[in-house]
């Protein structure tokens, strides 16, 4: 995966599934699990934080002031090596 940062940062007041969030040295995506809990999945190392029953709870329990919502693109190329 390649992360391209064009530094268009918007203030963050809530999370939505699929939001890409940049913090100081990491990037995460907001995801919903099959059992309807919500997580922050860190794209840098694949770790996850959360397991909350609502997006609102995930936001209130894990949000930090340095987070910014960023625009992200996924590029699908040929087979992985």
N, C-alpha and C. Protein backbone atom coordinates (compact mmCIF):
# COMPACT_ATOMS: atom_id res chain seq x y z
N UNK A 1 0.85 -1.17 0.00
CA UNK A 1 0.00 0.00 0.00
C UNK A 1 0.89 1.22 0.00
N UNK A 2 0.46 2.22 -0.71
CA UNK A 2 1.17 3.49 -0.76
C UNK A 2 0.25 4.56 -0.19
N UNK A 3 0.74 5.35 0.74
CA UNK A 3 -0.03 6.45 1.31
C UNK A 3 0.53 7.75 0.75
N UNK A 4 -0.31 8.52 0.09
CA UNK A 4 0.10 9.81 -0.48
C UNK A 4 -0.59 10.90 0.33
N UNK A 5 0.19 11.73 0.97
CA UNK A 5 -0.35 12.79 1.83
C UNK A 5 -0.29 14.11 1.09
N UNK A 6 -1.45 14.66 0.75
CA UNK A 6 -1.50 15.97 0.09
C UNK A 6 -1.87 17.07 1.08
N UNK A 7 -1.90 16.71 2.36
CA UNK A 7 -2.08 17.65 3.47
C UNK A 7 -3.33 18.51 3.40
N UNK A 8 -4.45 17.94 3.01
CA UNK A 8 -5.73 18.65 3.09
C UNK A 8 -6.44 18.15 4.35
N UNK A 9 -6.25 18.84 5.43
CA UNK A 9 -6.72 18.37 6.73
C UNK A 9 -7.98 19.11 7.15
N UNK A 10 -9.01 18.36 7.47
CA UNK A 10 -10.25 18.95 7.96
C UNK A 10 -10.39 18.65 9.45
N UNK A 11 -10.96 19.58 10.19
CA UNK A 11 -11.22 19.33 11.60
C UNK A 11 -12.17 18.16 11.75
N UNK A 12 -12.04 17.43 12.82
CA UNK A 12 -12.79 16.21 13.02
C UNK A 12 -13.73 16.36 14.20
N UNK A 13 -15.03 16.18 13.98
CA UNK A 13 -16.01 16.29 15.06
C UNK A 13 -16.79 15.00 15.28
N UNK A 14 -16.66 14.04 14.34
CA UNK A 14 -17.29 12.73 14.46
C UNK A 14 -16.62 11.79 13.49
N UNK A 15 -16.86 10.48 13.65
CA UNK A 15 -16.32 9.48 12.74
C UNK A 15 -17.44 8.91 11.89
N UNK A 16 -17.07 8.48 10.69
CA UNK A 16 -17.94 7.69 9.81
C UNK A 16 -17.12 6.51 9.31
N UNK A 17 -17.78 5.39 9.03
CA UNK A 17 -17.08 4.24 8.48
C UNK A 17 -16.41 4.65 7.17
N UNK A 18 -15.15 4.30 7.03
CA UNK A 18 -14.38 4.64 5.84
C UNK A 18 -13.56 5.91 5.97
N UNK A 19 -13.79 6.71 7.01
CA UNK A 19 -12.97 7.91 7.21
C UNK A 19 -11.50 7.50 7.39
N UNK A 20 -10.63 8.27 6.77
CA UNK A 20 -9.20 8.09 6.95
C UNK A 20 -8.72 9.24 7.83
N UNK A 21 -8.06 8.89 8.91
CA UNK A 21 -7.67 9.85 9.94
C UNK A 21 -6.15 9.87 10.04
N UNK A 22 -5.58 11.07 10.02
CA UNK A 22 -4.14 11.21 10.21
C UNK A 22 -3.87 11.79 11.58
N UNK A 23 -2.94 11.16 12.27
CA UNK A 23 -2.44 11.66 13.54
C UNK A 23 -0.96 11.95 13.33
N UNK A 24 -0.25 12.34 14.34
CA UNK A 24 1.14 12.76 14.18
C UNK A 24 1.93 11.89 13.22
N UNK A 25 2.16 10.63 13.55
CA UNK A 25 2.97 9.75 12.70
C UNK A 25 2.23 8.51 12.25
N UNK A 26 0.92 8.53 12.26
CA UNK A 26 0.17 7.35 11.85
C UNK A 26 -1.09 7.74 11.10
N UNK A 27 -1.62 6.76 10.38
CA UNK A 27 -2.84 6.93 9.60
C UNK A 27 -3.74 5.75 9.92
N UNK A 28 -5.02 6.01 10.14
CA UNK A 28 -5.96 4.91 10.40
C UNK A 28 -7.22 5.10 9.58
N UNK A 29 -7.99 4.02 9.48
CA UNK A 29 -9.27 4.06 8.82
C UNK A 29 -10.32 3.57 9.80
N UNK A 30 -11.49 4.18 9.77
CA UNK A 30 -12.59 3.78 10.65
C UNK A 30 -13.31 2.61 9.97
N UNK A 31 -13.47 1.51 10.70
CA UNK A 31 -14.05 0.29 10.13
C UNK A 31 -15.13 -0.28 11.04
N UNK A 32 -16.05 -1.02 10.43
CA UNK A 32 -17.08 -1.76 11.16
C UNK A 32 -16.80 -3.24 11.00
N UNK A 33 -16.89 -3.98 12.09
CA UNK A 33 -16.64 -5.41 12.06
C UNK A 33 -17.94 -6.16 11.73
N UNK A 34 -17.86 -7.45 11.39
CA UNK A 34 -19.07 -8.23 11.12
C UNK A 34 -20.03 -8.31 12.31
N UNK A 35 -19.52 -8.15 13.53
CA UNK A 35 -20.40 -8.18 14.70
C UNK A 35 -20.85 -6.78 15.13
N UNK A 36 -20.80 -5.81 14.18
CA UNK A 36 -21.30 -4.45 14.39
C UNK A 36 -20.62 -3.69 15.52
N UNK A 37 -19.31 -3.85 15.61
CA UNK A 37 -18.53 -2.97 16.48
C UNK A 37 -17.64 -2.12 15.57
N UNK A 38 -17.10 -1.05 16.12
CA UNK A 38 -16.34 -0.08 15.34
C UNK A 38 -14.91 0.02 15.86
N UNK A 39 -13.98 0.14 14.90
CA UNK A 39 -12.54 0.14 15.20
C UNK A 39 -11.82 1.24 14.44
N UNK A 40 -10.66 1.59 14.96
CA UNK A 40 -9.67 2.35 14.19
C UNK A 40 -8.62 1.32 13.78
N UNK A 41 -8.42 1.14 12.48
CA UNK A 41 -7.41 0.22 11.97
C UNK A 41 -6.24 1.06 11.46
N UNK A 42 -5.07 0.85 12.06
CA UNK A 42 -3.90 1.65 11.73
C UNK A 42 -3.22 1.07 10.50
N UNK A 43 -3.11 1.89 9.44
CA UNK A 43 -2.57 1.44 8.17
C UNK A 43 -1.05 1.26 8.22
N UNK A 44 -0.38 1.89 9.16
CA UNK A 44 1.06 1.79 9.26
C UNK A 44 1.51 0.39 9.66
N UNK A 45 0.77 -0.23 10.62
CA UNK A 45 1.22 -1.53 11.13
C UNK A 45 0.11 -2.59 11.22
N UNK A 46 -1.12 -2.25 10.85
CA UNK A 46 -2.21 -3.22 10.85
C UNK A 46 -2.87 -3.44 12.20
N UNK A 47 -2.45 -2.72 13.22
CA UNK A 47 -3.07 -2.88 14.53
C UNK A 47 -4.44 -2.19 14.55
N UNK A 48 -5.24 -2.48 15.57
CA UNK A 48 -6.57 -1.89 15.67
C UNK A 48 -6.86 -1.50 17.11
N UNK A 49 -7.67 -0.45 17.25
CA UNK A 49 -8.12 0.03 18.55
C UNK A 49 -9.63 0.18 18.49
N UNK A 50 -10.31 -0.23 19.51
CA UNK A 50 -11.75 -0.01 19.53
C UNK A 50 -12.53 -1.21 19.98
N UNK A 51 -13.54 -1.55 19.19
CA UNK A 51 -14.47 -2.59 19.58
C UNK A 51 -15.69 -1.98 20.26
N UNK A 52 -16.01 -0.73 19.91
CA UNK A 52 -17.13 -0.03 20.52
C UNK A 52 -18.41 -0.28 19.75
N UNK A 53 -19.54 -0.22 20.43
CA UNK A 53 -20.83 -0.52 19.85
C UNK A 53 -21.42 0.57 18.98
N UNK A 54 -20.80 1.76 18.98
CA UNK A 54 -21.30 2.85 18.12
C UNK A 54 -20.13 3.72 17.70
N UNK A 55 -20.33 4.42 16.59
CA UNK A 55 -19.31 5.37 16.13
C UNK A 55 -19.12 6.49 17.15
N UNK A 56 -20.22 6.91 17.76
CA UNK A 56 -20.15 7.98 18.76
C UNK A 56 -19.25 7.56 19.93
N UNK A 57 -19.42 6.32 20.42
CA UNK A 57 -18.58 5.84 21.52
C UNK A 57 -17.12 5.72 21.10
N UNK A 58 -16.87 5.23 19.89
CA UNK A 58 -15.50 5.14 19.39
C UNK A 58 -14.86 6.53 19.38
N UNK A 59 -15.60 7.52 18.88
CA UNK A 59 -15.08 8.89 18.84
C UNK A 59 -14.78 9.41 20.24
N UNK A 60 -15.75 9.31 21.13
CA UNK A 60 -15.57 9.89 22.46
C UNK A 60 -14.50 9.19 23.28
N UNK A 61 -14.28 7.91 23.04
CA UNK A 61 -13.29 7.16 23.83
C UNK A 61 -11.89 7.20 23.23
N UNK A 62 -11.75 7.45 21.92
CA UNK A 62 -10.42 7.34 21.31
C UNK A 62 -9.93 8.61 20.62
N UNK A 63 -10.78 9.57 20.38
CA UNK A 63 -10.38 10.79 19.66
C UNK A 63 -9.34 11.59 20.44
N UNK A 64 -8.34 12.08 19.70
CA UNK A 64 -7.35 12.99 20.27
C UNK A 64 -7.30 14.24 19.39
N UNK A 65 -6.92 15.35 19.96
CA UNK A 65 -7.04 16.64 19.28
C UNK A 65 -6.17 16.76 18.03
N UNK A 66 -5.12 15.96 17.90
CA UNK A 66 -4.24 16.09 16.73
C UNK A 66 -4.78 15.35 15.50
N UNK A 67 -5.91 14.65 15.63
CA UNK A 67 -6.48 13.91 14.50
C UNK A 67 -7.05 14.86 13.46
N UNK A 68 -6.83 14.51 12.19
CA UNK A 68 -7.40 15.25 11.08
C UNK A 68 -7.92 14.27 10.05
N UNK A 69 -9.10 14.54 9.52
CA UNK A 69 -9.66 13.71 8.46
C UNK A 69 -8.96 14.08 7.16
N UNK A 70 -8.51 13.07 6.41
CA UNK A 70 -7.81 13.31 5.16
C UNK A 70 -8.47 12.52 4.04
N UNK A 71 -8.26 13.00 2.83
CA UNK A 71 -8.76 12.30 1.65
C UNK A 71 -7.74 11.22 1.29
N UNK A 72 -8.22 10.02 0.99
CA UNK A 72 -7.33 8.91 0.64
C UNK A 72 -7.87 8.19 -0.58
N UNK A 73 -6.97 7.67 -1.38
CA UNK A 73 -7.33 6.89 -2.55
C UNK A 73 -6.72 5.50 -2.42
N UNK A 74 -7.44 4.50 -2.88
CA UNK A 74 -6.91 3.15 -2.96
C UNK A 74 -6.62 2.88 -4.43
N UNK A 75 -5.40 2.43 -4.70
CA UNK A 75 -5.00 2.13 -6.06
C UNK A 75 -4.82 0.62 -6.16
N UNK A 76 -5.55 0.00 -7.09
CA UNK A 76 -5.42 -1.44 -7.29
C UNK A 76 -4.60 -1.66 -8.55
N UNK A 77 -3.48 -2.35 -8.39
CA UNK A 77 -2.60 -2.64 -9.51
C UNK A 77 -2.57 -4.15 -9.72
N UNK A 78 -1.61 -4.63 -10.46
CA UNK A 78 -1.48 -6.06 -10.75
C UNK A 78 -1.31 -6.89 -9.48
N UNK A 79 -1.05 -8.16 -9.66
CA UNK A 79 -0.93 -9.09 -8.55
C UNK A 79 0.21 -8.71 -7.62
N UNK A 80 0.02 -9.01 -6.33
CA UNK A 80 1.08 -8.77 -5.34
C UNK A 80 2.21 -9.76 -5.57
N UNK A 81 3.42 -9.36 -5.26
CA UNK A 81 4.58 -10.24 -5.43
C UNK A 81 4.88 -10.96 -4.16
